[in-house]
Amino acid sequence: MVDKKAQNQKSFESAIQTLTQVAANPTTPKNIKKNLTDLIANLKSSQDSVSVRAANAISQLDDVSQDPNMPSYVRVTLWQAVSTLESIRD
């Protein structure tokens, strides 16, 4: 049980780090940076459990990744973050 929580936390932090790197990238469009900054703030809030925050982030990232102005390499990186967040379970 403790090992699973530690693994979830590690995956969660990895996803946040990936999203932070995309948001800090100067080639990422401003509207996507804004969405990612808001998303990262929601992930870091502790109102809900890690799995609930991960599920909410997956939904938001799905919407963000549909932006036609998004460069393909940013989209791929966001999908990697989604994959990491999908591994989080209670």
N, C-alpha and C. Protein backbone atom coordinates (compact mmCIF):
# COMPACT_ATOMS: atom_id res chain seq x y z
N MET A 1 0.82 -1.19 0.00
CA MET A 1 0.00 0.00 0.00
C MET A 1 0.86 1.26 0.00
N VAL A 2 1.85 1.30 0.88
CA VAL A 2 2.72 2.46 0.95
C VAL A 2 3.53 2.56 -0.35
N ASP A 3 3.95 1.41 -0.89
CA ASP A 3 4.73 1.41 -2.12
C ASP A 3 3.91 1.98 -3.28
N LYS A 4 2.63 1.62 -3.35
CA LYS A 4 1.76 2.12 -4.42
C LYS A 4 1.57 3.64 -4.29
N LYS A 5 1.40 4.13 -3.07
CA LYS A 5 1.26 5.58 -2.87
C LYS A 5 2.53 6.30 -3.27
N ALA A 6 3.67 5.72 -2.95
CA ALA A 6 4.94 6.33 -3.32
C ALA A 6 5.10 6.35 -4.84
N GLN A 7 4.69 5.27 -5.49
CA GLN A 7 4.76 5.20 -6.96
C GLN A 7 3.82 6.23 -7.59
N ASN A 8 2.61 6.35 -7.03
CA ASN A 8 1.66 7.35 -7.53
C ASN A 8 2.22 8.76 -7.39
N GLN A 9 2.82 9.06 -6.25
CA GLN A 9 3.39 10.38 -6.02
C GLN A 9 4.54 10.67 -6.98
N LYS A 10 5.35 9.66 -7.22
CA LYS A 10 6.47 9.81 -8.15
C LYS A 10 5.96 10.08 -9.56
N SER A 11 4.95 9.34 -10.00
CA SER A 11 4.36 9.55 -11.32
C SER A 11 3.73 10.93 -11.42
N PHE A 12 3.05 11.33 -10.36
CA PHE A 12 2.39 12.63 -10.30
C PHE A 12 3.40 13.76 -10.45
N GLU A 13 4.49 13.68 -9.70
CA GLU A 13 5.53 14.70 -9.77
C GLU A 13 6.21 14.72 -11.13
N SER A 14 6.38 13.56 -11.73
CA SER A 14 6.97 13.47 -13.07
C SER A 14 6.08 14.17 -14.09
N ALA A 15 4.78 13.96 -14.01
CA ALA A 15 3.85 14.61 -14.93
C ALA A 15 3.87 16.12 -14.75
N ILE A 16 3.89 16.58 -13.50
CA ILE A 16 3.95 18.02 -13.24
C ILE A 16 5.24 18.61 -13.82
N GLN A 17 6.34 17.91 -13.66
CA GLN A 17 7.62 18.39 -14.20
C GLN A 17 7.55 18.49 -15.73
N THR A 18 6.97 17.50 -16.38
CA THR A 18 6.84 17.52 -17.84
C THR A 18 5.99 18.70 -18.28
N LEU A 19 4.86 18.91 -17.62
CA LEU A 19 3.97 20.02 -17.96
C LEU A 19 4.64 21.37 -17.72
N THR A 20 5.42 21.46 -16.65
CA THR A 20 6.14 22.70 -16.35
C THR A 20 7.17 23.01 -17.44
N GLN A 21 7.84 21.99 -17.92
CA GLN A 21 8.82 22.19 -18.98
C GLN A 21 8.15 22.67 -20.27
N VAL A 22 6.99 22.12 -20.60
CA VAL A 22 6.27 22.57 -21.79
C VAL A 22 5.82 24.01 -21.62
N ALA A 23 5.31 24.35 -20.43
CA ALA A 23 4.84 25.71 -20.18
C ALA A 23 6.00 26.72 -20.21
N ALA A 24 7.19 26.29 -19.85
CA ALA A 24 8.35 27.18 -19.83
C ALA A 24 9.03 27.29 -21.19
N ASN A 25 8.69 26.42 -22.11
CA ASN A 25 9.30 26.42 -23.43
C ASN A 25 8.87 27.67 -24.21
N PRO A 26 9.81 28.46 -24.71
CA PRO A 26 9.45 29.70 -25.41
C PRO A 26 8.70 29.47 -26.73
N THR A 27 8.76 28.26 -27.28
CA THR A 27 8.05 28.00 -28.54
C THR A 27 6.61 27.55 -28.33
N THR A 28 6.21 27.34 -27.09
CA THR A 28 4.83 26.96 -26.80
C THR A 28 3.94 28.20 -26.93
N PRO A 29 2.84 28.10 -27.69
CA PRO A 29 1.95 29.26 -27.84
C PRO A 29 1.42 29.76 -26.49
N LYS A 30 1.17 31.07 -26.41
CA LYS A 30 0.77 31.70 -25.15
C LYS A 30 -0.51 31.13 -24.58
N ASN A 31 -1.51 30.86 -25.41
CA ASN A 31 -2.77 30.34 -24.88
C ASN A 31 -2.59 28.95 -24.27
N ILE A 32 -1.70 28.17 -24.84
CA ILE A 32 -1.43 26.83 -24.29
C ILE A 32 -0.64 26.96 -22.99
N LYS A 33 0.30 27.90 -22.94
CA LYS A 33 1.04 28.14 -21.69
C LYS A 33 0.08 28.51 -20.57
N LYS A 34 -0.88 29.38 -20.88
CA LYS A 34 -1.86 29.81 -19.87
C LYS A 34 -2.67 28.62 -19.37
N ASN A 35 -3.15 27.79 -20.29
CA ASN A 35 -3.91 26.60 -19.90
C ASN A 35 -3.07 25.65 -19.05
N LEU A 36 -1.82 25.46 -19.43
CA LEU A 36 -0.95 24.56 -18.67
C LEU A 36 -0.61 25.12 -17.30
N THR A 37 -0.41 26.43 -17.22
CA THR A 37 -0.12 27.05 -15.93
C THR A 37 -1.30 26.86 -14.97
N ASP A 38 -2.51 27.06 -15.47
CA ASP A 38 -3.71 26.83 -14.65
C ASP A 38 -3.83 25.36 -14.25
N LEU A 39 -3.55 24.49 -15.19
CA LEU A 39 -3.63 23.05 -14.93
C LEU A 39 -2.62 22.62 -13.87
N ILE A 40 -1.41 23.14 -13.95
CA ILE A 40 -0.37 22.81 -12.96
C ILE A 40 -0.78 23.29 -11.58
N ALA A 41 -1.37 24.49 -11.52
CA ALA A 41 -1.84 25.01 -10.23
C ALA A 41 -2.92 24.09 -9.65
N ASN A 42 -3.82 23.60 -10.49
CA ASN A 42 -4.86 22.68 -10.02
C ASN A 42 -4.25 21.36 -9.54
N LEU A 43 -3.23 20.89 -10.24
CA LEU A 43 -2.59 19.65 -9.83
C LEU A 43 -1.89 19.80 -8.48
N LYS A 44 -1.32 20.97 -8.24
CA LYS A 44 -0.59 21.19 -6.99
C LYS A 44 -1.50 21.49 -5.80
N SER A 45 -2.75 21.86 -6.06
CA SER A 45 -3.67 22.10 -4.93
C SER A 45 -3.97 20.77 -4.26
N SER A 46 -4.22 20.80 -2.98
CA SER A 46 -4.42 19.55 -2.25
C SER A 46 -5.87 19.36 -1.81
N GLN A 47 -6.80 19.94 -2.54
CA GLN A 47 -8.21 19.80 -2.18
C GLN A 47 -8.73 18.39 -2.42
N ASP A 48 -8.27 17.76 -3.48
CA ASP A 48 -8.73 16.41 -3.83
C ASP A 48 -7.58 15.42 -3.72
N SER A 49 -7.90 14.14 -3.84
CA SER A 49 -6.86 13.12 -3.81
C SER A 49 -6.03 13.19 -5.09
N VAL A 50 -4.89 12.56 -5.07
CA VAL A 50 -4.00 12.56 -6.22
C VAL A 50 -4.70 11.95 -7.43
N SER A 51 -5.44 10.88 -7.24
CA SER A 51 -6.09 10.23 -8.38
C SER A 51 -7.19 11.10 -8.98
N VAL A 52 -7.91 11.86 -8.16
CA VAL A 52 -8.95 12.76 -8.68
C VAL A 52 -8.30 13.91 -9.46
N ARG A 53 -7.24 14.47 -8.91
CA ARG A 53 -6.53 15.55 -9.61
C ARG A 53 -5.95 15.04 -10.92
N ALA A 54 -5.43 13.81 -10.93
CA ALA A 54 -4.88 13.23 -12.16
C ALA A 54 -5.98 13.04 -13.21
N ALA A 55 -7.12 12.54 -12.79
CA ALA A 55 -8.24 12.34 -13.72
C ALA A 55 -8.72 13.66 -14.31
N ASN A 56 -8.82 14.68 -13.47
CA ASN A 56 -9.22 16.00 -13.96
C ASN A 56 -8.19 16.55 -14.95
N ALA A 57 -6.94 16.37 -14.66
CA ALA A 57 -5.87 16.85 -15.54
C ALA A 57 -5.89 16.13 -16.88
N ILE A 58 -6.17 14.84 -16.87
CA ILE A 58 -6.24 14.08 -18.12
C ILE A 58 -7.34 14.66 -19.01
N SER A 59 -8.48 14.95 -18.42
CA SER A 59 -9.59 15.52 -19.17
C SER A 59 -9.21 16.89 -19.75
N GLN A 60 -8.59 17.72 -18.93
CA GLN A 60 -8.18 19.05 -19.40
C GLN A 60 -7.10 18.96 -20.47
N LEU A 61 -6.16 18.04 -20.31
CA LEU A 61 -5.10 17.89 -21.30
C LEU A 61 -5.64 17.39 -22.63
N ASP A 62 -6.68 16.58 -22.58
CA ASP A 62 -7.31 16.13 -23.81
C ASP A 62 -7.86 17.33 -24.58
N ASP A 63 -8.51 18.24 -23.87
CA ASP A 63 -9.03 19.46 -24.50
C ASP A 63 -7.90 20.34 -25.04
N VAL A 64 -6.87 20.53 -24.24
CA VAL A 64 -5.74 21.38 -24.64
C VAL A 64 -5.04 20.81 -25.87
N SER A 65 -4.89 19.50 -25.93
CA SER A 65 -4.15 18.87 -27.03
C SER A 65 -4.89 18.96 -28.37
N GLN A 66 -6.16 19.34 -28.35
CA GLN A 66 -6.93 19.47 -29.58
C GLN A 66 -6.72 20.82 -30.27
N ASP A 67 -5.97 21.72 -29.64
CA ASP A 67 -5.73 23.05 -30.20
C ASP A 67 -4.99 22.92 -31.53
N PRO A 68 -5.54 23.47 -32.61
CA PRO A 68 -4.88 23.34 -33.92
C PRO A 68 -3.57 24.13 -34.03
N ASN A 69 -3.36 25.10 -33.15
CA ASN A 69 -2.13 25.89 -33.19
C ASN A 69 -0.97 25.24 -32.45
N MET A 70 -1.22 24.10 -31.85
CA MET A 70 -0.19 23.45 -31.05
C MET A 70 0.83 22.75 -31.94
N PRO A 71 2.11 23.03 -31.71
CA PRO A 71 3.14 22.30 -32.46
C PRO A 71 3.08 20.80 -32.13
N SER A 72 3.40 19.97 -33.09
CA SER A 72 3.25 18.52 -32.90
C SER A 72 4.13 17.99 -31.76
N TYR A 73 5.34 18.54 -31.60
CA TYR A 73 6.21 18.04 -30.53
C TYR A 73 5.66 18.39 -29.15
N VAL A 74 4.92 19.49 -29.03
CA VAL A 74 4.27 19.83 -27.76
C VAL A 74 3.14 18.85 -27.49
N ARG A 75 2.38 18.53 -28.53
CA ARG A 75 1.27 17.59 -28.39
C ARG A 75 1.78 16.23 -27.91
N VAL A 76 2.88 15.77 -28.49
CA VAL A 76 3.46 14.47 -28.10
C VAL A 76 3.90 14.50 -26.64
N THR A 77 4.48 15.61 -26.22
CA THR A 77 4.92 15.73 -24.83
C THR A 77 3.73 15.73 -23.88
N LEU A 78 2.64 16.39 -24.29
CA LEU A 78 1.43 16.38 -23.45
C LEU A 78 0.86 14.97 -23.36
N TRP A 79 0.92 14.23 -24.45
CA TRP A 79 0.44 12.84 -24.41
C TRP A 79 1.28 11.99 -23.47
N GLN A 80 2.57 12.29 -23.40
CA GLN A 80 3.43 11.57 -22.45
C GLN A 80 2.99 11.86 -21.01
N ALA A 81 2.65 13.11 -20.75
CA ALA A 81 2.17 13.48 -19.41
C ALA A 81 0.85 12.77 -19.11
N VAL A 82 -0.03 12.69 -20.11
CA VAL A 82 -1.31 11.99 -19.93
C VAL A 82 -1.05 10.53 -19.61
N SER A 83 -0.14 9.92 -20.32
CA SER A 83 0.19 8.51 -20.07
C SER A 83 0.69 8.31 -18.65
N THR A 84 1.52 9.22 -18.18
CA THR A 84 2.02 9.13 -16.80
C THR A 84 0.88 9.29 -15.81
N LEU A 85 0.00 10.25 -16.06
CA LEU A 85 -1.13 10.48 -15.14
C LEU A 85 -2.11 9.30 -15.15
N GLU A 86 -2.25 8.63 -16.29
CA GLU A 86 -3.17 7.49 -16.36
C GLU A 86 -2.70 6.32 -15.51
N SER A 87 -1.42 6.28 -15.18
CA SER A 87 -0.90 5.17 -14.37
C SER A 87 -1.24 5.35 -12.88
N ILE A 88 -1.78 6.51 -12.52
CA ILE A 88 -2.08 6.79 -11.10
C ILE A 88 -3.44 6.20 -10.74
N ARG A 89 -3.45 5.37 -9.73
CA ARG A 89 -4.68 4.76 -9.23
C ARG A 89 -4.66 4.78 -7.71
N ASP A 90 -5.83 4.81 -7.11
CA ASP A 90 -5.91 4.76 -5.64
C ASP A 90 -5.60 3.38 -5.12
